[in-house]
Amino acid sequence: MKVAKCLFMGLFLLLHTNCSYELENVEAPDNLIPIDTFTLVLQDVMIVESYYKSQEANVNTFYETLPTAMHPIFEKYNIDSLRYVESMDYYTTQQEVLIKIYTEIQDSLTLNTPDYIQ
């Protein structure tokens, strides 16, 4: 019984010390998309994603067609997919900033929704 208690306490301490609720600190990439531009890009990406999700019942087809659909968005903002991914990776570690971005997108979409849709 004493061995089981020691083993349990050892495992508990090991798991407890290795778990962290904090996000790892990631440096901003050199080619980081500014917040205001990234908000616009992400809004367009979300709209295109939602359109394709509603059109494609097959998840595999959705993931195959989506990258091609993103090219016009990247061209519009003069960025490439690598820059988008690196910026997204950075902003996902900045939770307060990301919440602000998503709130701005939600507010913008809400304001642009016709009055009869609620």
N, C-alpha and C. Protein backbone atom coordinates (compact mmCIF):
# COMPACT_ATOMS: atom_id res chain seq x y z
N MET A 1 0.82 -1.20 0.00
CA MET A 1 0.00 0.00 0.00
C MET A 1 0.86 1.26 0.00
N LYS A 2 1.95 1.21 0.75
CA LYS A 2 2.85 2.36 0.82
C LYS A 2 3.50 2.62 -0.53
N VAL A 3 3.82 1.56 -1.25
CA VAL A 3 4.44 1.69 -2.57
C VAL A 3 3.45 2.32 -3.55
N ALA A 4 2.19 1.93 -3.47
CA ALA A 4 1.16 2.49 -4.35
C ALA A 4 0.99 3.99 -4.09
N LYS A 5 1.02 4.39 -2.80
CA LYS A 5 0.90 5.81 -2.47
C LYS A 5 2.08 6.59 -3.03
N CYS A 6 3.26 6.05 -2.85
CA CYS A 6 4.47 6.73 -3.36
C CYS A 6 4.44 6.83 -4.88
N LEU A 7 4.02 5.76 -5.53
CA LEU A 7 3.93 5.76 -6.99
C LEU A 7 2.89 6.78 -7.46
N PHE A 8 1.74 6.80 -6.80
CA PHE A 8 0.70 7.77 -7.14
C PHE A 8 1.20 9.20 -6.95
N MET A 9 1.84 9.48 -5.83
CA MET A 9 2.34 10.83 -5.57
C MET A 9 3.43 11.21 -6.57
N GLY A 10 4.28 10.25 -6.91
CA GLY A 10 5.33 10.52 -7.89
C GLY A 10 4.74 10.85 -9.26
N LEU A 11 3.76 10.08 -9.71
CA LEU A 11 3.11 10.35 -10.99
C LEU A 11 2.36 11.68 -10.96
N PHE A 12 1.69 11.95 -9.84
CA PHE A 12 0.97 13.21 -9.71
C PHE A 12 1.92 14.40 -9.83
N LEU A 13 3.02 14.35 -9.12
CA LEU A 13 3.99 15.45 -9.17
C LEU A 13 4.61 15.58 -10.56
N LEU A 14 4.90 14.46 -11.19
CA LEU A 14 5.48 14.49 -12.53
C LEU A 14 4.52 15.13 -13.53
N LEU A 15 3.27 14.72 -13.50
CA LEU A 15 2.28 15.28 -14.41
C LEU A 15 1.97 16.73 -14.09
N HIS A 16 1.93 17.04 -12.83
CA HIS A 16 1.61 18.41 -12.41
C HIS A 16 2.70 19.40 -12.82
N THR A 17 3.94 19.00 -12.74
CA THR A 17 5.03 19.92 -13.07
C THR A 17 5.23 20.06 -14.57
N ASN A 18 4.77 19.11 -15.37
CA ASN A 18 4.94 19.19 -16.81
C ASN A 18 3.79 19.87 -17.52
N CYS A 19 2.69 20.12 -16.84
CA CYS A 19 1.54 20.75 -17.45
C CYS A 19 1.57 22.24 -17.18
N SER A 20 1.21 23.00 -18.18
CA SER A 20 1.17 24.44 -18.03
C SER A 20 -0.01 24.98 -18.82
N TYR A 21 -0.68 25.96 -18.26
CA TYR A 21 -1.80 26.57 -18.94
C TYR A 21 -1.39 27.79 -19.75
N GLU A 22 -0.13 28.17 -19.65
CA GLU A 22 0.36 29.32 -20.38
C GLU A 22 0.81 28.90 -21.78
N LEU A 23 0.56 29.79 -22.73
CA LEU A 23 1.00 29.54 -24.09
C LEU A 23 2.48 29.84 -24.18
N GLU A 24 3.16 29.11 -25.06
CA GLU A 24 4.59 29.37 -25.20
C GLU A 24 4.80 30.74 -25.85
N ASN A 25 5.87 31.37 -25.47
CA ASN A 25 6.17 32.70 -25.97
C ASN A 25 6.81 32.57 -27.35
N VAL A 26 6.13 33.07 -28.36
CA VAL A 26 6.61 32.99 -29.74
C VAL A 26 6.96 34.40 -30.19
N GLU A 27 8.13 34.53 -30.79
CA GLU A 27 8.53 35.84 -31.30
C GLU A 27 7.74 36.17 -32.56
N ALA A 28 7.49 37.45 -32.74
CA ALA A 28 6.78 37.89 -33.95
C ALA A 28 7.68 37.67 -35.15
N PRO A 29 7.13 37.08 -36.22
CA PRO A 29 7.94 36.88 -37.41
C PRO A 29 8.30 38.22 -38.06
N ASP A 30 9.37 38.22 -38.82
CA ASP A 30 9.82 39.45 -39.49
C ASP A 30 8.77 39.99 -40.44
N ASN A 31 8.00 39.09 -41.05
CA ASN A 31 7.01 39.50 -42.04
C ASN A 31 5.59 39.46 -41.48
N LEU A 32 5.45 39.77 -40.20
CA LEU A 32 4.14 39.74 -39.54
C LEU A 32 3.16 40.70 -40.22
N ILE A 33 1.97 40.19 -40.49
CA ILE A 33 0.92 41.02 -41.06
C ILE A 33 0.40 41.92 -39.94
N PRO A 34 0.34 43.25 -40.15
CA PRO A 34 -0.17 44.14 -39.10
C PRO A 34 -1.60 43.75 -38.68
N ILE A 35 -1.94 44.06 -37.46
CA ILE A 35 -3.23 43.64 -36.89
C ILE A 35 -4.41 44.10 -37.74
N ASP A 36 -4.43 45.35 -38.17
CA ASP A 36 -5.58 45.84 -38.94
C ASP A 36 -5.72 45.10 -40.27
N THR A 37 -4.62 44.84 -40.94
CA THR A 37 -4.67 44.10 -42.20
C THR A 37 -5.01 42.64 -41.95
N PHE A 38 -4.42 42.07 -40.89
CA PHE A 38 -4.70 40.67 -40.58
C PHE A 38 -6.17 40.46 -40.26
N THR A 39 -6.79 41.41 -39.60
CA THR A 39 -8.22 41.33 -39.29
C THR A 39 -9.03 41.25 -40.57
N LEU A 40 -8.70 42.08 -41.54
CA LEU A 40 -9.42 42.06 -42.83
C LEU A 40 -9.18 40.74 -43.58
N VAL A 41 -7.94 40.29 -43.57
CA VAL A 41 -7.61 39.02 -44.25
C VAL A 41 -8.38 37.88 -43.60
N LEU A 42 -8.32 37.81 -42.27
CA LEU A 42 -9.00 36.73 -41.56
C LEU A 42 -10.51 36.77 -41.78
N GLN A 43 -11.07 37.95 -41.84
CA GLN A 43 -12.51 38.05 -42.11
C GLN A 43 -12.83 37.47 -43.48
N ASP A 44 -12.06 37.82 -44.49
CA ASP A 44 -12.30 37.27 -45.83
C ASP A 44 -12.09 35.76 -45.85
N VAL A 45 -11.07 35.29 -45.15
CA VAL A 45 -10.81 33.85 -45.08
C VAL A 45 -11.99 33.13 -44.43
N MET A 46 -12.52 33.69 -43.35
CA MET A 46 -13.64 33.06 -42.66
C MET A 46 -14.88 33.02 -43.54
N ILE A 47 -15.11 34.06 -44.31
CA ILE A 47 -16.28 34.08 -45.21
C ILE A 47 -16.13 33.02 -46.29
N VAL A 48 -14.95 32.93 -46.87
CA VAL A 48 -14.71 31.92 -47.92
C VAL A 48 -14.81 30.52 -47.33
N GLU A 49 -14.23 30.30 -46.16
CA GLU A 49 -14.33 28.99 -45.51
C GLU A 49 -15.78 28.60 -45.26
N SER A 50 -16.56 29.53 -44.76
CA SER A 50 -17.96 29.20 -44.46
C SER A 50 -18.74 28.89 -45.74
N TYR A 51 -18.43 29.61 -46.81
CA TYR A 51 -19.09 29.31 -48.08
C TYR A 51 -18.74 27.90 -48.55
N TYR A 52 -17.47 27.57 -48.54
CA TYR A 52 -17.07 26.25 -49.01
C TYR A 52 -17.56 25.13 -48.09
N LYS A 53 -17.61 25.39 -46.80
CA LYS A 53 -18.15 24.39 -45.88
C LYS A 53 -19.62 24.12 -46.17
N SER A 54 -20.36 25.16 -46.54
CA SER A 54 -21.78 24.96 -46.84
C SER A 54 -21.98 24.26 -48.18
N GLN A 55 -21.01 24.37 -49.09
CA GLN A 55 -21.12 23.76 -50.42
C GLN A 55 -20.60 22.33 -50.46
N GLU A 56 -19.63 22.02 -49.64
CA GLU A 56 -18.98 20.71 -49.68
C GLU A 56 -19.38 19.86 -48.48
N ALA A 57 -20.06 18.77 -48.75
CA ALA A 57 -20.42 17.85 -47.68
C ALA A 57 -19.23 16.97 -47.30
N ASN A 58 -18.35 16.74 -48.26
CA ASN A 58 -17.19 15.89 -48.05
C ASN A 58 -16.04 16.75 -47.51
N VAL A 59 -15.55 16.40 -46.32
CA VAL A 59 -14.48 17.17 -45.68
C VAL A 59 -13.20 17.14 -46.52
N ASN A 60 -12.89 16.01 -47.12
CA ASN A 60 -11.69 15.91 -47.94
C ASN A 60 -11.75 16.85 -49.14
N THR A 61 -12.89 16.94 -49.77
CA THR A 61 -13.04 17.85 -50.91
C THR A 61 -12.92 19.29 -50.44
N PHE A 62 -13.47 19.59 -49.28
CA PHE A 62 -13.37 20.93 -48.71
C PHE A 62 -11.90 21.33 -48.53
N TYR A 63 -11.12 20.44 -47.93
CA TYR A 63 -9.71 20.75 -47.68
C TYR A 63 -8.88 20.77 -48.96
N GLU A 64 -9.32 20.12 -49.99
CA GLU A 64 -8.61 20.15 -51.27
C GLU A 64 -8.91 21.44 -52.03
N THR A 65 -10.13 21.93 -51.97
CA THR A 65 -10.51 23.11 -52.75
C THR A 65 -10.21 24.43 -52.03
N LEU A 66 -10.14 24.41 -50.73
CA LEU A 66 -9.96 25.64 -49.97
C LEU A 66 -8.66 26.38 -50.28
N PRO A 67 -7.51 25.73 -50.35
CA PRO A 67 -6.28 26.49 -50.65
C PRO A 67 -6.36 27.29 -51.95
N THR A 68 -6.97 26.73 -52.97
CA THR A 68 -7.12 27.45 -54.23
C THR A 68 -8.03 28.66 -54.06
N ALA A 69 -9.04 28.53 -53.23
CA ALA A 69 -9.97 29.62 -53.01
C ALA A 69 -9.33 30.77 -52.23
N MET A 70 -8.25 30.50 -51.54
CA MET A 70 -7.58 31.53 -50.74
C MET A 70 -6.67 32.44 -51.58
N HIS A 71 -6.27 31.98 -52.75
CA HIS A 71 -5.35 32.77 -53.58
C HIS A 71 -5.85 34.19 -53.87
N PRO A 72 -7.11 34.38 -54.26
CA PRO A 72 -7.57 35.76 -54.50
C PRO A 72 -7.48 36.65 -53.25
N ILE A 73 -7.69 36.08 -52.08
CA ILE A 73 -7.60 36.86 -50.84
C ILE A 73 -6.15 37.28 -50.62
N PHE A 74 -5.23 36.33 -50.79
CA PHE A 74 -3.82 36.64 -50.59
C PHE A 74 -3.34 37.67 -51.61
N GLU A 75 -3.82 37.57 -52.83
CA GLU A 75 -3.44 38.55 -53.86
C GLU A 75 -4.01 39.93 -53.51
N LYS A 76 -5.25 39.96 -53.02
CA LYS A 76 -5.90 41.23 -52.66
C LYS A 76 -5.07 42.00 -51.64
N TYR A 77 -4.51 41.28 -50.67
CA TYR A 77 -3.75 41.92 -49.60
C TYR A 77 -2.24 41.85 -49.82
N ASN A 78 -1.83 41.35 -50.97
CA ASN A 78 -0.42 41.26 -51.34
C ASN A 78 0.41 40.49 -50.30
N ILE A 79 -0.11 39.31 -49.94
CA ILE A 79 0.61 38.42 -49.02
C ILE A 79 0.65 37.04 -49.65
N ASP A 80 1.44 36.16 -49.05
CA ASP A 80 1.45 34.77 -49.50
C ASP A 80 0.99 33.87 -48.35
N SER A 81 0.78 32.60 -48.66
CA SER A 81 0.23 31.69 -47.66
C SER A 81 1.19 31.49 -46.49
N LEU A 82 2.50 31.51 -46.73
CA LEU A 82 3.47 31.34 -45.65
C LEU A 82 3.39 32.52 -44.67
N ARG A 83 3.28 33.70 -45.20
CA ARG A 83 3.18 34.88 -44.35
C ARG A 83 1.89 34.83 -43.53
N TYR A 84 0.81 34.38 -44.15
CA TYR A 84 -0.46 34.24 -43.44
C TYR A 84 -0.34 33.22 -42.31
N VAL A 85 0.24 32.07 -42.60
CA VAL A 85 0.37 31.01 -41.60
C VAL A 85 1.27 31.46 -40.45
N GLU A 86 2.39 32.10 -40.77
CA GLU A 86 3.28 32.57 -39.71
C GLU A 86 2.61 33.63 -38.84
N SER A 87 1.85 34.51 -39.47
CA SER A 87 1.14 35.54 -38.70
C SER A 87 0.06 34.90 -37.84
N MET A 88 -0.67 33.94 -38.39
CA MET A 88 -1.71 33.25 -37.62
C MET A 88 -1.10 32.50 -36.44
N ASP A 89 0.03 31.84 -36.68
CA ASP A 89 0.71 31.14 -35.58
C ASP A 89 1.09 32.10 -34.46
N TYR A 90 1.57 33.27 -34.84
CA TYR A 90 1.94 34.26 -33.83
C TYR A 90 0.71 34.78 -33.09
N TYR A 91 -0.31 35.20 -33.83
CA TYR A 91 -1.48 35.79 -33.19
C TYR A 91 -2.23 34.79 -32.31
N THR A 92 -2.15 33.50 -32.62
CA THR A 92 -2.82 32.52 -31.77
C THR A 92 -2.15 32.39 -30.40
N THR A 93 -0.90 32.84 -30.29
CA THR A 93 -0.25 32.84 -28.98
C THR A 93 -0.52 34.13 -28.23
N GLN A 94 -1.12 35.10 -28.87
CA GLN A 94 -1.46 36.38 -28.26
C GLN A 94 -2.97 36.43 -28.07
N GLN A 95 -3.45 35.77 -27.04
CA GLN A 95 -4.89 35.55 -26.86
C GLN A 95 -5.69 36.85 -26.78
N GLU A 96 -5.20 37.86 -26.07
CA GLU A 96 -5.95 39.10 -25.95
C GLU A 96 -6.10 39.78 -27.32
N VAL A 97 -5.03 39.75 -28.09
CA VAL A 97 -5.06 40.35 -29.43
C VAL A 97 -6.01 39.57 -30.33
N LEU A 98 -5.94 38.25 -30.26
CA LEU A 98 -6.80 37.42 -31.10
C LEU A 98 -8.28 37.61 -30.76
N ILE A 99 -8.58 37.75 -29.49
CA ILE A 99 -9.97 38.01 -29.09
C ILE A 99 -10.43 39.35 -29.67
N LYS A 100 -9.56 40.34 -29.62
CA LYS A 100 -9.90 41.65 -30.20
C LYS A 100 -10.15 41.52 -31.70
N ILE A 101 -9.31 40.75 -32.39
CA ILE A 101 -9.47 40.55 -33.84
C ILE A 101 -10.81 39.90 -34.14
N TYR A 102 -11.12 38.82 -33.43
CA TYR A 102 -12.38 38.11 -33.67
C TYR A 102 -13.59 38.98 -33.31
N THR A 103 -13.47 39.79 -32.28
CA THR A 103 -14.57 40.69 -31.91
C THR A 103 -14.80 41.72 -33.00
N GLU A 104 -13.73 42.26 -33.56
CA GLU A 104 -13.86 43.23 -34.66
C GLU A 104 -14.52 42.57 -35.88
N ILE A 105 -14.13 41.34 -36.16
CA ILE A 105 -14.72 40.63 -37.30
C ILE A 105 -16.20 40.40 -37.05
N GLN A 106 -16.54 39.95 -35.86
CA GLN A 106 -17.95 39.70 -35.53
C GLN A 106 -18.76 40.99 -35.61
N ASP A 107 -18.22 42.06 -35.07
CA ASP A 107 -18.93 43.35 -35.12
C ASP A 107 -19.12 43.80 -36.56
N SER A 108 -18.09 43.65 -37.37
CA SER A 108 -18.18 44.06 -38.77
C SER A 108 -19.23 43.24 -39.52
N LEU A 109 -19.23 41.95 -39.29
CA LEU A 109 -20.22 41.10 -39.97
C LEU A 109 -21.63 41.39 -39.49
N THR A 110 -21.76 41.68 -38.21
CA THR A 110 -23.07 42.00 -37.66
C THR A 110 -23.60 43.30 -38.23
N LEU A 111 -22.73 44.28 -38.35
CA LEU A 111 -23.15 45.57 -38.90
C LEU A 111 -23.50 45.48 -40.38
N ASN A 112 -22.89 44.55 -41.08
CA ASN A 112 -23.14 44.41 -42.52
C ASN A 112 -24.24 43.41 -42.84
N THR A 113 -24.86 42.85 -41.82
CA THR A 113 -25.95 41.90 -42.03
C THR A 113 -27.25 42.67 -42.20
N PRO A 114 -28.05 42.31 -43.16
CA PRO A 114 -29.35 42.99 -43.33
C PRO A 114 -30.20 42.89 -42.07
N ASP A 115 -31.08 43.86 -41.90
CA ASP A 115 -31.89 43.94 -40.69
C ASP A 115 -32.81 42.73 -40.50
N TYR A 116 -33.22 42.07 -41.56
CA TYR A 116 -34.16 40.97 -41.41
C TYR A 116 -33.49 39.68 -40.95
N ILE A 117 -32.19 39.62 -40.93
CA ILE A 117 -31.48 38.45 -40.41
C ILE A 117 -30.99 38.78 -39.02
N GLN A 118 -31.39 37.99 -38.05
CA GLN A 118 -30.94 38.27 -36.67
C GLN A 118 -30.44 37.06 -35.99
